[in-house]
């Protein structure tokens, strides 16, 4: 059974940092493309970052380039999202997603609040 569990969200001041984790189980992580999405309040879901299968390449949404970093530890079956220089507009529910062969799986999400 495929399962993705996000953690690491919380309240942070503008300019601060957080690291989100996505613990994967039930599948072989290194053959899946892993992504982070976010759903800000009142807005549509958007892609934050993607790491292709095997960790060969990464890409980022324009709004987070240079501030966020996606990484994966296939041995630990965990994907991370390091978020630096956080802004109020980064506030959202962040979701981890695993995709392979046109099928995607999702976690339950973790809330990130950026506020002073």
PDB file of N, CA and C in Angstrom:
ATOM      1  N   UNK A   1       0.844  -1.188   0.000  1.00  0.00           N
ATOM      2  CA  UNK A   1       0.000   0.000   0.000  1.00  0.00           C
ATOM      3  C   UNK A   1       0.884   1.244   0.000  1.00  0.00           C
ATOM      4  N   UNK A   2       0.690   2.092  -1.007  1.00  0.00           N
ATOM      5  CA  UNK A   2       1.469   3.317  -1.111  1.00  0.00           C
ATOM      6  C   UNK A   2       1.011   4.314  -0.046  1.00  0.00           C
ATOM      7  N   UNK A   3       1.967   4.875   0.644  1.00  0.00           N
ATOM      8  CA  UNK A   3       1.641   5.867   1.658  1.00  0.00           C
ATOM      9  C   UNK A   3       2.699   6.959   1.648  1.00  0.00           C
ATOM     10  N   UNK A   4       2.233   8.201   1.705  1.00  0.00           N
ATOM     11  CA  UNK A   4       3.105   9.368   1.810  1.00  0.00           C
ATOM     12  C   UNK A   4       2.660  10.168   3.023  1.00  0.00           C
ATOM     13  N   UNK A   5       3.599  10.467   3.901  1.00  0.00           N
ATOM     14  CA  UNK A   5       3.273  11.201   5.119  1.00  0.00           C
ATOM     15  C   UNK A   5       4.195  12.406   5.228  1.00  0.00           C
ATOM     16  N   UNK A   6       3.591  13.596   5.122  1.00  0.00           N
ATOM     17  CA  UNK A   6       4.350  14.833   5.243  1.00  0.00           C
ATOM     18  C   UNK A   6       4.466  15.259   6.703  1.00  0.00           C
ATOM     19  N   UNK A   7       5.547  15.950   7.004  1.00  0.00           N
ATOM     20  CA  UNK A   7       5.749  16.520   8.334  1.00  0.00           C
ATOM     21  C   UNK A   7       6.681  17.718   8.215  1.00  0.00           C
ATOM     22  N   UNK A   8       6.759  18.473   9.299  1.00  0.00           N
ATOM     23  CA  UNK A   8       7.694  19.591   9.334  1.00  0.00           C
ATOM     24  C   UNK A   8       7.070  20.953   9.148  1.00  0.00           C
ATOM     25  N   UNK A   9       5.774  20.991   8.875  1.00  0.00           N
ATOM     26  CA  UNK A   9       5.123  22.278   8.736  1.00  0.00           C
ATOM     27  C   UNK A   9       4.981  22.962  10.079  1.00  0.00           C
ATOM     28  N   UNK A  10       4.552  24.213  10.033  1.00  0.00           N
ATOM     29  CA  UNK A  10       4.357  24.959  11.258  1.00  0.00           C
ATOM     30  C   UNK A  10       4.322  26.437  11.007  1.00  0.00           C
ATOM     31  N   UNK A  11       4.470  27.200  12.072  1.00  0.00           N
ATOM     32  CA  UNK A  11       4.456  28.659  12.012  1.00  0.00           C
ATOM     33  C   UNK A  11       5.889  29.180  11.999  1.00  0.00           C
ATOM     34  N   UNK A  12       6.172  30.061  11.065  1.00  0.00           N
ATOM     35  CA  UNK A  12       7.511  30.638  10.963  1.00  0.00           C
ATOM     36  C   UNK A  12       7.377  32.111  10.604  1.00  0.00           C
ATOM     37  N   UNK A  13       8.319  32.912  11.058  1.00  0.00           N
ATOM     38  CA  UNK A  13       8.298  34.337  10.735  1.00  0.00           C
ATOM     39  C   UNK A  13       8.830  34.556   9.319  1.00  0.00           C
ATOM     40  N   UNK A  14       8.414  35.645   8.687  1.00  0.00           N
ATOM     41  CA  UNK A  14       8.980  35.980   7.373  1.00  0.00           C
ATOM     42  C   UNK A  14      10.505  36.038   7.439  1.00  0.00           C
ATOM     43  N   UNK A  15      11.145  35.463   6.420  1.00  0.00           N
ATOM     44  CA  UNK A  15      12.592  35.381   6.393  1.00  0.00           C
ATOM     45  C   UNK A  15      13.141  34.119   7.015  1.00  0.00           C
ATOM     46  N   UNK A  16      12.297  33.367   7.682  1.00  0.00           N
ATOM     47  CA  UNK A  16      12.730  32.152   8.347  1.00  0.00           C
ATOM     48  C   UNK A  16      12.802  30.960   7.414  1.00  0.00           C
ATOM     49  N   UNK A  17      13.106  29.806   8.009  1.00  0.00           N
ATOM     50  CA  UNK A  17      13.276  28.573   7.241  1.00  0.00           C
ATOM     51  C   UNK A  17      12.494  27.429   7.870  1.00  0.00           C
ATOM     52  N   UNK A  18      12.132  26.496   7.032  1.00  0.00           N
ATOM     53  CA  UNK A  18      11.513  25.245   7.468  1.00  0.00           C
ATOM     54  C   UNK A  18      12.001  24.147   6.538  1.00  0.00           C
ATOM     55  N   UNK A  19      12.037  22.923   7.061  1.00  0.00           N
ATOM     56  CA  UNK A  19      12.313  21.776   6.212  1.00  0.00           C
ATOM     57  C   UNK A  19      11.155  20.798   6.331  1.00  0.00           C
ATOM     58  N   UNK A  20      10.515  20.557   5.217  1.00  0.00           N
ATOM     59  CA  UNK A  20       9.444  19.571   5.165  1.00  0.00           C
ATOM     60  C   UNK A  20      10.013  18.211   4.806  1.00  0.00           C
ATOM     61  N   UNK A  21       9.395  17.183   5.352  1.00  0.00           N
ATOM     62  CA  UNK A  21       9.788  15.819   5.038  1.00  0.00           C
ATOM     63  C   UNK A  21       8.576  15.054   4.513  1.00  0.00           C
ATOM     64  N   UNK A  22       8.837  14.120   3.627  1.00  0.00           N
ATOM     65  CA  UNK A  22       7.789  13.243   3.097  1.00  0.00           C
ATOM     66  C   UNK A  22       8.298  11.816   3.209  1.00  0.00           C
ATOM     67  N   UNK A  23       7.733  11.072   4.144  1.00  0.00           N
ATOM     68  CA  UNK A  23       8.126   9.687   4.348  1.00  0.00           C
ATOM     69  C   UNK A  23       7.273   8.796   3.457  1.00  0.00           C
ATOM     70  N   UNK A  24       7.951   8.008   2.627  1.00  0.00           N
ATOM     71  CA  UNK A  24       7.265   7.157   1.654  1.00  0.00           C
ATOM     72  C   UNK A  24       7.341   5.694   2.069  1.00  0.00           C
ATOM     73  N   UNK A  25       6.286   4.974   1.783  1.00  0.00           N
ATOM     74  CA  UNK A  25       6.282   3.541   2.041  1.00  0.00           C
ATOM     75  C   UNK A  25       5.389   2.846   1.023  1.00  0.00           C
ATOM     76  N   UNK A  26       5.653   1.568   0.823  1.00  0.00           N
ATOM     77  CA  UNK A  26       4.821   0.782  -0.072  1.00  0.00           C
ATOM     78  C   UNK A  26       5.255   0.796  -1.529  1.00  0.00           C
ATOM     79  N   UNK A  27       6.354   1.485  -1.834  1.00  0.00           N
ATOM     80  CA  UNK A  27       6.850   1.494  -3.211  1.00  0.00           C
ATOM     81  C   UNK A  27       8.342   1.826  -3.206  1.00  0.00           C
ATOM     82  N   UNK A  28       8.969   1.624  -4.350  1.00  0.00           N
ATOM     83  CA  UNK A  28      10.400   1.889  -4.483  1.00  0.00           C
ATOM     84  C   UNK A  28      10.604   3.338  -4.868  1.00  0.00           C
ATOM     85  N   UNK A  29      11.105   4.125  -3.941  1.00  0.00           N
ATOM     86  CA  UNK A  29      11.158   5.574  -4.114  1.00  0.00           C
ATOM     87  C   UNK A  29      11.970   5.987  -5.341  1.00  0.00           C
ATOM     88  N   UNK A  30      13.078   5.341  -5.600  1.00  0.00           N
ATOM     89  CA  UNK A  30      13.998   5.853  -6.608  1.00  0.00           C
ATOM     90  C   UNK A  30      13.475   5.738  -8.039  1.00  0.00           C
ATOM     91  N   UNK A  31      12.378   5.001  -8.258  1.00  0.00           N
ATOM     92  CA  UNK A  31      11.848   4.924  -9.620  1.00  0.00           C
ATOM     93  C   UNK A  31      10.672   5.869  -9.827  1.00  0.00           C
ATOM     94  N   UNK A  32      10.368   6.651  -8.810  1.00  0.00           N
ATOM     95  CA  UNK A  32       9.254   7.583  -8.887  1.00  0.00           C
ATOM     96  C   UNK A  32       9.758   9.016  -9.003  1.00  0.00           C
ATOM     97  N   UNK A  33       9.040   9.810  -9.771  1.00  0.00           N
ATOM     98  CA  UNK A  33       9.221  11.247  -9.744  1.00  0.00           C
ATOM     99  C   UNK A  33       8.492  11.776  -8.514  1.00  0.00           C
ATOM    100  N   UNK A  34       9.215  12.520  -7.708  1.00  0.00           N
ATOM    101  CA  UNK A  34       8.661  13.043  -6.460  1.00  0.00           C
ATOM    102  C   UNK A  34       8.521  14.550  -6.561  1.00  0.00           C
ATOM    103  N   UNK A  35       7.393  15.041  -6.108  1.00  0.00           N
ATOM    104  CA  UNK A  35       7.114  16.471  -6.221  1.00  0.00           C
ATOM    105  C   UNK A  35       6.514  17.004  -4.933  1.00  0.00           C
ATOM    106  N   UNK A  36       6.695  18.291  -4.754  1.00  0.00           N
ATOM    107  CA  UNK A  36       5.991  19.044  -3.724  1.00  0.00           C
ATOM    108  C   UNK A  36       5.054  20.026  -4.433  1.00  0.00           C
ATOM    109  N   UNK A  37       3.824  20.048  -3.989  1.00  0.00           N
ATOM    110  CA  UNK A  37       2.842  21.021  -4.437  1.00  0.00           C
ATOM    111  C   UNK A  37       2.382  21.811  -3.209  1.00  0.00           C
ATOM    112  N   UNK A  38       1.753  22.929  -3.475  1.00  0.00           N
ATOM    113  CA  UNK A  38       1.143  23.672  -2.374  1.00  0.00           C
ATOM    114  C   UNK A  38      -0.199  24.237  -2.811  1.00  0.00           C
ATOM    115  N   UNK A  39      -1.044  24.434  -1.823  1.00  0.00           N
ATOM    116  CA  UNK A  39      -2.376  24.966  -2.068  1.00  0.00           C
ATOM    117  C   UNK A  39      -2.574  26.149  -1.129  1.00  0.00           C
ATOM    118  N   UNK A  40      -2.310  27.367  -1.621  1.00  0.00           N
ATOM    119  CA  UNK A  40      -2.503  28.554  -0.780  1.00  0.00           C
ATOM    120  C   UNK A  40      -3.991  28.819  -0.570  1.00  0.00           C
ATOM    121  N   UNK A  41      -4.360  29.471   0.513  1.00  0.00           N
ATOM    122  CA  UNK A  41      -5.779  29.764   0.754  1.00  0.00           C
ATOM    123  C   UNK A  41      -6.348  30.649  -0.344  1.00  0.00           C
ATOM    124  N   UNK A  42      -7.464  30.218  -0.902  1.00  0.00           N
ATOM    125  CA  UNK A  42      -8.140  31.004  -1.922  1.00  0.00           C
ATOM    126  C   UNK A  42      -7.518  30.951  -3.301  1.00  0.00           C
ATOM    127  N   UNK A  43      -6.511  30.105  -3.470  1.00  0.00           N
ATOM    128  CA  UNK A  43      -5.833  30.010  -4.755  1.00  0.00           C
ATOM    129  C   UNK A  43      -5.806  28.557  -5.217  1.00  0.00           C
ATOM    130  N   UNK A  44      -5.351  28.357  -6.459  1.00  0.00           N
ATOM    131  CA  UNK A  44      -5.258  27.002  -6.977  1.00  0.00           C
ATOM    132  C   UNK A  44      -3.948  26.344  -6.537  1.00  0.00           C
ATOM    133  N   UNK A  45      -3.970  25.034  -6.568  1.00  0.00           N
ATOM    134  CA  UNK A  45      -2.766  24.280  -6.243  1.00  0.00           C
ATOM    135  C   UNK A  45      -1.682  24.577  -7.274  1.00  0.00           C
ATOM    136  N   UNK A  46      -0.439  24.655  -6.822  1.00  0.00           N
ATOM    137  CA  UNK A  46       0.661  24.919  -7.740  1.00  0.00           C
ATOM    138  C   UNK A  46       1.845  24.012  -7.439  1.00  0.00           C
ATOM    139  N   UNK A  47       2.600  23.733  -8.490  1.00  0.00           N
ATOM    140  CA  UNK A  47       3.802  22.937  -8.345  1.00  0.00           C
ATOM    141  C   UNK A  47       4.894  23.768  -7.694  1.00  0.00           C
ATOM    142  N   UNK A  48       5.524  23.213  -6.687  1.00  0.00           N
ATOM    143  CA  UNK A  48       6.622  23.887  -6.005  1.00  0.00           C
ATOM    144  C   UNK A  48       7.964  23.367  -6.507  1.00  0.00           C
ATOM    145  N   UNK A  49       8.125  22.049  -6.495  1.00  0.00           N
ATOM    146  CA  UNK A  49       9.409  21.477  -6.890  1.00  0.00           C
ATOM    147  C   UNK A  49       9.226  20.024  -7.290  1.00  0.00           C
ATOM    148  N   UNK A  50      10.081  19.567  -8.201  1.00  0.00           N
ATOM    149  CA  UNK A  50      10.041  18.190  -8.672  1.00  0.00           C
ATOM    150  C   UNK A  50      11.440  17.605  -8.733  1.00  0.00           C
ATOM    151  N   UNK A  51      11.542  16.353  -8.345  1.00  0.00           N
ATOM    152  CA  UNK A  51      12.791  15.592  -8.465  1.00  0.00           C
ATOM    153  C   UNK A  51      12.484  14.346  -9.288  1.00  0.00           C
ATOM    154  N   UNK A  52      13.123  14.225 -10.454  1.00  0.00           N
ATOM    155  CA  UNK A  52      12.808  13.101 -11.317  1.00  0.00           C
ATOM    156  C   UNK A  52      13.309  11.784 -10.722  1.00  0.00           C
ATOM    157  N   UNK A  53      12.798  10.694 -11.254  1.00  0.00           N
ATOM    158  CA  UNK A  53      13.151   9.381 -10.741  1.00  0.00           C
ATOM    159  C   UNK A  53      14.668   9.211 -10.724  1.00  0.00           C
ATOM    160  N   UNK A  54      15.148   8.659  -9.648  1.00  0.00           N
ATOM    161  CA  UNK A  54      16.591   8.518  -9.475  1.00  0.00           C
ATOM    162  C   UNK A  54      17.272   9.791  -9.045  1.00  0.00           C
ATOM    163  N   UNK A  55      16.513  10.865  -8.924  1.00  0.00           N
ATOM    164  CA  UNK A  55      17.096  12.148  -8.515  1.00  0.00           C
ATOM    165  C   UNK A  55      17.947  12.781  -9.582  1.00  0.00           C
ATOM    166  N   UNK A  56      17.703  12.431 -10.855  1.00  0.00           N
ATOM    167  CA  UNK A  56      18.548  12.924 -11.934  1.00  0.00           C
ATOM    168  C   UNK A  56      18.458  14.416 -12.175  1.00  0.00           C
ATOM    169  N   UNK A  57      17.287  14.989 -11.992  1.00  0.00           N
ATOM    170  CA  UNK A  57      17.155  16.419 -12.227  1.00  0.00           C
ATOM    171  C   UNK A  57      16.058  16.978 -11.347  1.00  0.00           C
ATOM    172  N   UNK A  58      16.086  18.282 -11.179  1.00  0.00           N
ATOM    173  CA  UNK A  58      15.078  18.972 -10.385  1.00  0.00           C
ATOM    174  C   UNK A  58      14.569  20.185 -11.143  1.00  0.00           C
ATOM    175  N   UNK A  59      13.380  20.596 -10.822  1.00  0.00           N
ATOM    176  CA  UNK A  59      12.868  21.863 -11.350  1.00  0.00           C
ATOM    177  C   UNK A  59      11.965  22.482 -10.320  1.00  0.00           C
ATOM    178  N   UNK A  60      11.829  23.814 -10.422  1.00  0.00           N
ATOM    179  CA  UNK A  60      11.131  24.574  -9.395  1.00  0.00           C
ATOM    180  C   UNK A  60      10.140  25.540 -10.015  1.00  0.00           C
ATOM    181  N   UNK A  61       9.115  25.830  -9.234  1.00  0.00           N
ATOM    182  CA  UNK A  61       8.213  26.891  -9.623  1.00  0.00           C
ATOM    183  C   UNK A  61       8.946  28.230  -9.573  1.00  0.00           C
ATOM    184  N   UNK A  62       8.544  29.154 -10.425  1.00  0.00           N
ATOM    185  CA  UNK A  62       9.243  30.435 -10.514  1.00  0.00           C
ATOM    186  C   UNK A  62       9.252  31.185  -9.173  1.00  0.00           C
ATOM    187  N   UNK A  63       8.198  31.053  -8.414  1.00  0.00           N
ATOM    188  CA  UNK A  63       8.087  31.828  -7.180  1.00  0.00           C
ATOM    189  C   UNK A  63       9.009  31.329  -6.068  1.00  0.00           C
ATOM    190  N   UNK A  64       9.581  30.142  -6.227  1.00  0.00           N
ATOM    191  CA  UNK A  64      10.426  29.595  -5.156  1.00  0.00           C
ATOM    192  C   UNK A  64      11.872  29.371  -5.588  1.00  0.00           C
ATOM    193  N   UNK A  65      12.163  29.613  -6.860  1.00  0.00           N
ATOM    194  CA  UNK A  65      13.531  29.393  -7.352  1.00  0.00           C
ATOM    195  C   UNK A  65      14.543  30.194  -6.536  1.00  0.00           C
ATOM    196  N   UNK A  66      15.613  29.535  -6.149  1.00  0.00           N
ATOM    197  CA  UNK A  66      16.653  30.191  -5.375  1.00  0.00           C
ATOM    198  C   UNK A  66      16.403  30.201  -3.881  1.00  0.00           C
ATOM    199  N   UNK A  67      15.195  29.832  -3.470  1.00  0.00           N
ATOM    200  CA  UNK A  67      14.861  29.823  -2.032  1.00  0.00           C
ATOM    201  C   UNK A  67      14.570  28.420  -1.519  1.00  0.00           C
ATOM    202  N   UNK A  68      13.981  27.581  -2.351  1.00  0.00           N
ATOM    203  CA  UNK A  68      13.596  26.233  -1.943  1.00  0.00           C
ATOM    204  C   UNK A  68      14.494  25.210  -2.635  1.00  0.00           C
ATOM    205  N   UNK A  69      14.710  24.102  -1.941  1.00  0.00           N
ATOM    206  CA  UNK A  69      15.508  23.013  -2.499  1.00  0.00           C
ATOM    207  C   UNK A  69      14.838  21.679  -2.204  1.00  0.00           C
ATOM    208  N   UNK A  70      14.613  20.895  -3.253  1.00  0.00           N
ATOM    209  CA  UNK A  70      14.080  19.548  -3.077  1.00  0.00           C
ATOM    210  C   UNK A  70      15.236  18.558  -3.085  1.00  0.00           C
ATOM    211  N   UNK A  71      15.150  17.573  -2.215  1.00  0.00           N
ATOM    212  CA  UNK A  71      16.173  16.528  -2.182  1.00  0.00           C
ATOM    213  C   UNK A  71      15.505  15.223  -1.776  1.00  0.00           C
ATOM    214  N   UNK A  72      16.202  14.146  -2.025  1.00  0.00           N
ATOM    215  CA  UNK A  72      15.632  12.844  -1.702  1.00  0.00           C
ATOM    216  C   UNK A  72      16.720  11.931  -1.158  1.00  0.00           C
ATOM    217  N   UNK A  73      16.329  11.107  -0.204  1.00  0.00           N
ATOM    218  CA  UNK A  73      17.203  10.075   0.332  1.00  0.00           C
ATOM    219  C   UNK A  73      16.504   8.758   0.047  1.00  0.00           C
ATOM    220  N   UNK A  74      16.908   8.119  -1.043  1.00  0.00           N
ATOM    221  CA  UNK A  74      16.211   6.902  -1.454  1.00  0.00           C
ATOM    222  C   UNK A  74      16.371   5.784  -0.434  1.00  0.00           C
ATOM    223  N   UNK A  75      17.504   5.747   0.250  1.00  0.00           N
ATOM    224  CA  UNK A  75      17.717   4.709   1.261  1.00  0.00           C
ATOM    225  C   UNK A  75      16.752   4.882   2.430  1.00  0.00           C
ATOM    226  N   UNK A  76      16.513   6.142   2.806  1.00  0.00           N
ATOM    227  CA  UNK A  76      15.588   6.424   3.912  1.00  0.00           C
ATOM    228  C   UNK A  76      14.154   6.560   3.423  1.00  0.00           C
ATOM    229  N   UNK A  77      13.962   6.486   2.102  1.00  0.00           N
ATOM    230  CA  UNK A  77      12.633   6.617   1.508  1.00  0.00           C
ATOM    231  C   UNK A  77      11.963   7.917   1.953  1.00  0.00           C
ATOM    232  N   UNK A  78      12.715   8.978   1.887  1.00  0.00           N
ATOM    233  CA  UNK A  78      12.224  10.275   2.338  1.00  0.00           C
ATOM    234  C   UNK A  78      12.608  11.351   1.332  1.00  0.00           C
ATOM    235  N   UNK A  79      11.677  12.252   1.091  1.00  0.00           N
ATOM    236  CA  UNK A  79      11.908  13.413   0.241  1.00  0.00           C
ATOM    237  C   UNK A  79      11.793  14.654   1.116  1.00  0.00           C
ATOM    238  N   UNK A  80      12.652  15.607   0.858  1.00  0.00           N
ATOM    239  CA  UNK A  80      12.691  16.818   1.675  1.00  0.00           C
ATOM    240  C   UNK A  80      12.421  18.051   0.824  1.00  0.00           C
ATOM    241  N   UNK A  81      11.938  19.075   1.476  1.00  0.00           N
ATOM    242  CA  UNK A  81      11.824  20.387   0.854  1.00  0.00           C
ATOM    243  C   UNK A  81      12.387  21.397   1.843  1.00  0.00           C
ATOM    244  N   UNK A  82      13.570  21.896   1.553  1.00  0.00           N
ATOM    245  CA  UNK A  82      14.172  22.937   2.377  1.00  0.00           C
ATOM    246  C   UNK A  82      13.675  24.278   1.886  1.00  0.00           C
ATOM    247  N   UNK A  83      13.053  25.029   2.773  1.00  0.00           N
ATOM    248  CA  UNK A  83      12.465  26.307   2.411  1.00  0.00           C
ATOM    249  C   UNK A  83      13.155  27.415   3.196  1.00  0.00           C
ATOM    250  N   UNK A  84      13.806  28.300   2.482  1.00  0.00           N
ATOM    251  CA  UNK A  84      14.512  29.419   3.102  1.00  0.00           C
ATOM    252  C   UNK A  84      13.882  30.747   2.670  1.00  0.00           C
ATOM    253  N   UNK A  85      14.192  31.776   3.397  1.00  0.00           N
ATOM    254  CA  UNK A  85      13.698  33.123   3.083  1.00  0.00           C
ATOM    255  C   UNK A  85      12.187  33.116   2.843  1.00  0.00           C
ATOM    256  N   UNK A  86      11.486  32.507   3.757  1.00  0.00           N
ATOM    257  CA  UNK A  86      10.044  32.350   3.584  1.00  0.00           C
ATOM    258  C   UNK A  86       9.331  33.697   3.594  1.00  0.00           C
ATOM    259  N   UNK A  87       8.299  33.762   2.772  1.00  0.00           N
ATOM    260  CA  UNK A  87       7.494  34.965   2.619  1.00  0.00           C
ATOM    261  C   UNK A  87       6.054  34.657   3.010  1.00  0.00           C
ATOM    262  N   UNK A  88       5.285  35.676   3.359  1.00  0.00           N
ATOM    263  CA  UNK A  88       3.870  35.425   3.686  1.00  0.00           C
ATOM    264  C   UNK A  88       3.129  34.706   2.560  1.00  0.00           C
ATOM    265  N   UNK A  89       3.500  34.974   1.319  1.00  0.00           N
ATOM    266  CA  UNK A  89       2.819  34.325   0.203  1.00  0.00           C
ATOM    267  C   UNK A  89       3.186  32.847   0.044  1.00  0.00           C
ATOM    268  N   UNK A  90       4.139  32.370   0.823  1.00  0.00           N
ATOM    269  CA  UNK A  90       4.447  30.940   0.822  1.00  0.00           C
ATOM    270  C   UNK A  90       3.497  30.139   1.707  1.00  0.00           C
ATOM    271  N   UNK A  91       2.662  30.849   2.444  1.00  0.00           N
ATOM    272  CA  UNK A  91       1.732  30.171   3.338  1.00  0.00           C
ATOM    273  C   UNK A  91       0.770  29.321   2.538  1.00  0.00           C
ATOM    274  N   UNK A  92       0.673  28.044   2.888  1.00  0.00           N
ATOM    275  CA  UNK A  92      -0.161  27.100   2.140  1.00  0.00           C
ATOM    276  C   UNK A  92      -0.132  25.752   2.842  1.00  0.00           C
ATOM    277  N   UNK A  93      -0.978  24.863   2.362  1.00  0.00           N
ATOM    278  CA  UNK A  93      -0.842  23.454   2.707  1.00  0.00           C
ATOM    279  C   UNK A  93       0.070  22.837   1.653  1.00  0.00           C
ATOM    280  N   UNK A  94       1.122  22.187   2.104  1.00  0.00           N
ATOM    281  CA  UNK A  94       2.102  21.585   1.211  1.00  0.00           C
ATOM    282  C   UNK A  94       1.872  20.079   1.128  1.00  0.00           C
ATOM    283  N   UNK A  95       1.861  19.592  -0.115  1.00  0.00           N
ATOM    284  CA  UNK A  95       1.593  18.178  -0.361  1.00  0.00           C
ATOM    285  C   UNK A  95       2.781  17.525  -1.071  1.00  0.00           C
ATOM    286  N   UNK A  96       3.024  16.306  -0.703  1.00  0.00           N
ATOM    287  CA  UNK A  96       4.018  15.479  -1.368  1.00  0.00           C
ATOM    288  C   UNK A  96       3.282  14.571  -2.363  1.00  0.00           C
ATOM    289  N   UNK A  97       3.908  14.365  -3.527  1.00  0.00           N
ATOM    290  CA  UNK A  97       3.294  13.536  -4.549  1.00  0.00           C
ATOM    291  C   UNK A  97       4.337  12.613  -5.165  1.00  0.00           C
ATOM    292  N   UNK A  98       3.924  11.388  -5.466  1.00  0.00           N
ATOM    293  CA  UNK A  98       4.771  10.411  -6.135  1.00  0.00           C
ATOM    294  C   UNK A  98       4.094  10.006  -7.438  1.00  0.00           C
ATOM    295  N   UNK A  99       4.836  10.073  -8.542  1.00  0.00           N
ATOM    296  CA  UNK A  99       4.280   9.765  -9.851  1.00  0.00           C
ATOM    297  C   UNK A  99       5.158   8.781 -10.607  1.00  0.00           C
ATOM    298  N   UNK A 100       4.506   7.798 -11.210  1.00  0.00           N
ATOM    299  CA  UNK A 100       5.221   6.835 -12.037  1.00  0.00           C
ATOM    300  C   UNK A 100       4.231   6.176 -12.970  1.00  0.00           C
ATOM    301  N   UNK A 101       4.550   6.175 -14.242  1.00  0.00           N
ATOM    302  CA  UNK A 101       3.677   5.527 -15.211  1.00  0.00           C
ATOM    303  C   UNK A 101       2.301   6.166 -15.313  1.00  0.00           C
ATOM    304  N   UNK A 102       2.235   7.463 -15.107  1.00  0.00           N
ATOM    305  CA  UNK A 102       0.970   8.167 -15.222  1.00  0.00           C
ATOM    306  C   UNK A 102       0.066   8.075 -14.008  1.00  0.00           C
ATOM    307  N   UNK A 103       0.512   7.414 -12.986  1.00  0.00           N
ATOM    308  CA  UNK A 103      -0.280   7.280 -11.746  1.00  0.00           C
ATOM    309  C   UNK A 103       0.391   8.103 -10.662  1.00  0.00           C
ATOM    310  N   UNK A 104      -0.410   8.891  -9.930  1.00  0.00           N
ATOM    311  CA  UNK A 104       0.110   9.744  -8.863  1.00  0.00           C
ATOM    312  C   UNK A 104      -0.522   9.388  -7.529  1.00  0.00           C
ATOM    313  N   UNK A 105       0.304   9.487  -6.522  1.00  0.00           N
ATOM    314  CA  UNK A 105      -0.155   9.291  -5.148  1.00  0.00           C
ATOM    315  C   UNK A 105       0.128  10.569  -4.367  1.00  0.00           C
ATOM    316  N   UNK A 106      -0.699  10.828  -3.350  1.00  0.00           N
ATOM    317  CA  UNK A 106      -0.608  12.072  -2.593  1.00  0.00           C
ATOM    318  C   UNK A 106      -0.607  11.805  -1.105  1.00  0.00           C
ATOM    319  N   UNK A 107       0.084  12.686  -0.396  1.00  0.00           N
ATOM    320  CA  UNK A 107       0.011  12.672   1.046  1.00  0.00           C
ATOM    321  C   UNK A 107      -1.148  13.511   1.529  1.00  0.00           C
ATOM    322  N   UNK A 108      -1.261  13.636   2.860  1.00  0.00           N
ATOM    323  CA  UNK A 108      -2.398  14.355   3.441  1.00  0.00           C
ATOM    324  C   UNK A 108      -2.127  15.849   3.587  1.00  0.00           C
ATOM    325  N   UNK A 109      -0.877  16.241   3.415  1.00  0.00           N
ATOM    326  CA  UNK A 109      -0.517  17.646   3.474  1.00  0.00           C
ATOM    327  C   UNK A 109      -0.047  18.090   4.841  1.00  0.00           C
ATOM    328  N   UNK A 110       0.739  19.163   4.838  1.00  0.00           N
ATOM    329  CA  UNK A 110       1.189  19.780   6.079  1.00  0.00           C
ATOM    330  C   UNK A 110       1.092  21.292   5.928  1.00  0.00           C
ATOM    331  N   UNK A 111       0.590  21.946   6.959  1.00  0.00           N
ATOM    332  CA  UNK A 111       0.333  23.383   6.897  1.00  0.00           C
ATOM    333  C   UNK A 111       1.603  24.176   7.179  1.00  0.00           C
ATOM    334  N   UNK A 112       1.879  25.139   6.333  1.00  0.00           N
ATOM    335  CA  UNK A 112       2.957  26.096   6.559  1.00  0.00           C
ATOM    336  C   UNK A 112       2.340  27.478   6.682  1.00  0.00           C
ATOM    337  N   UNK A 113       2.600  28.131   7.800  1.00  0.00           N
ATOM    338  CA  UNK A 113       2.092  29.475   8.040  1.00  0.00           C
ATOM    339  C   UNK A 113       3.271  30.417   8.213  1.00  0.00           C
ATOM    340  N   UNK A 114       3.279  31.477   7.442  1.00  0.00           N
ATOM    341  CA  UNK A 114       4.353  32.466   7.505  1.00  0.00           C
ATOM    342  C   UNK A 114       3.741  33.778   7.969  1.00  0.00           C
ATOM    343  N   UNK A 115       4.084  34.135   9.178  1.00  0.00           N
ATOM    344  CA  UNK A 115       3.468  35.325   9.768  1.00  0.00           C
ATOM    345  C   UNK A 115       4.321  35.836  10.911  1.00  0.00           C
ATOM    346  N   UNK A 116       4.299  37.154  11.078  1.00  0.00           N
ATOM    347  CA  UNK A 116       5.012  37.741  12.199  1.00  0.00           C
ATOM    348  C   UNK A 116       4.081  37.916  13.387  1.00  0.00           C
TER     349      UNK A 116
END
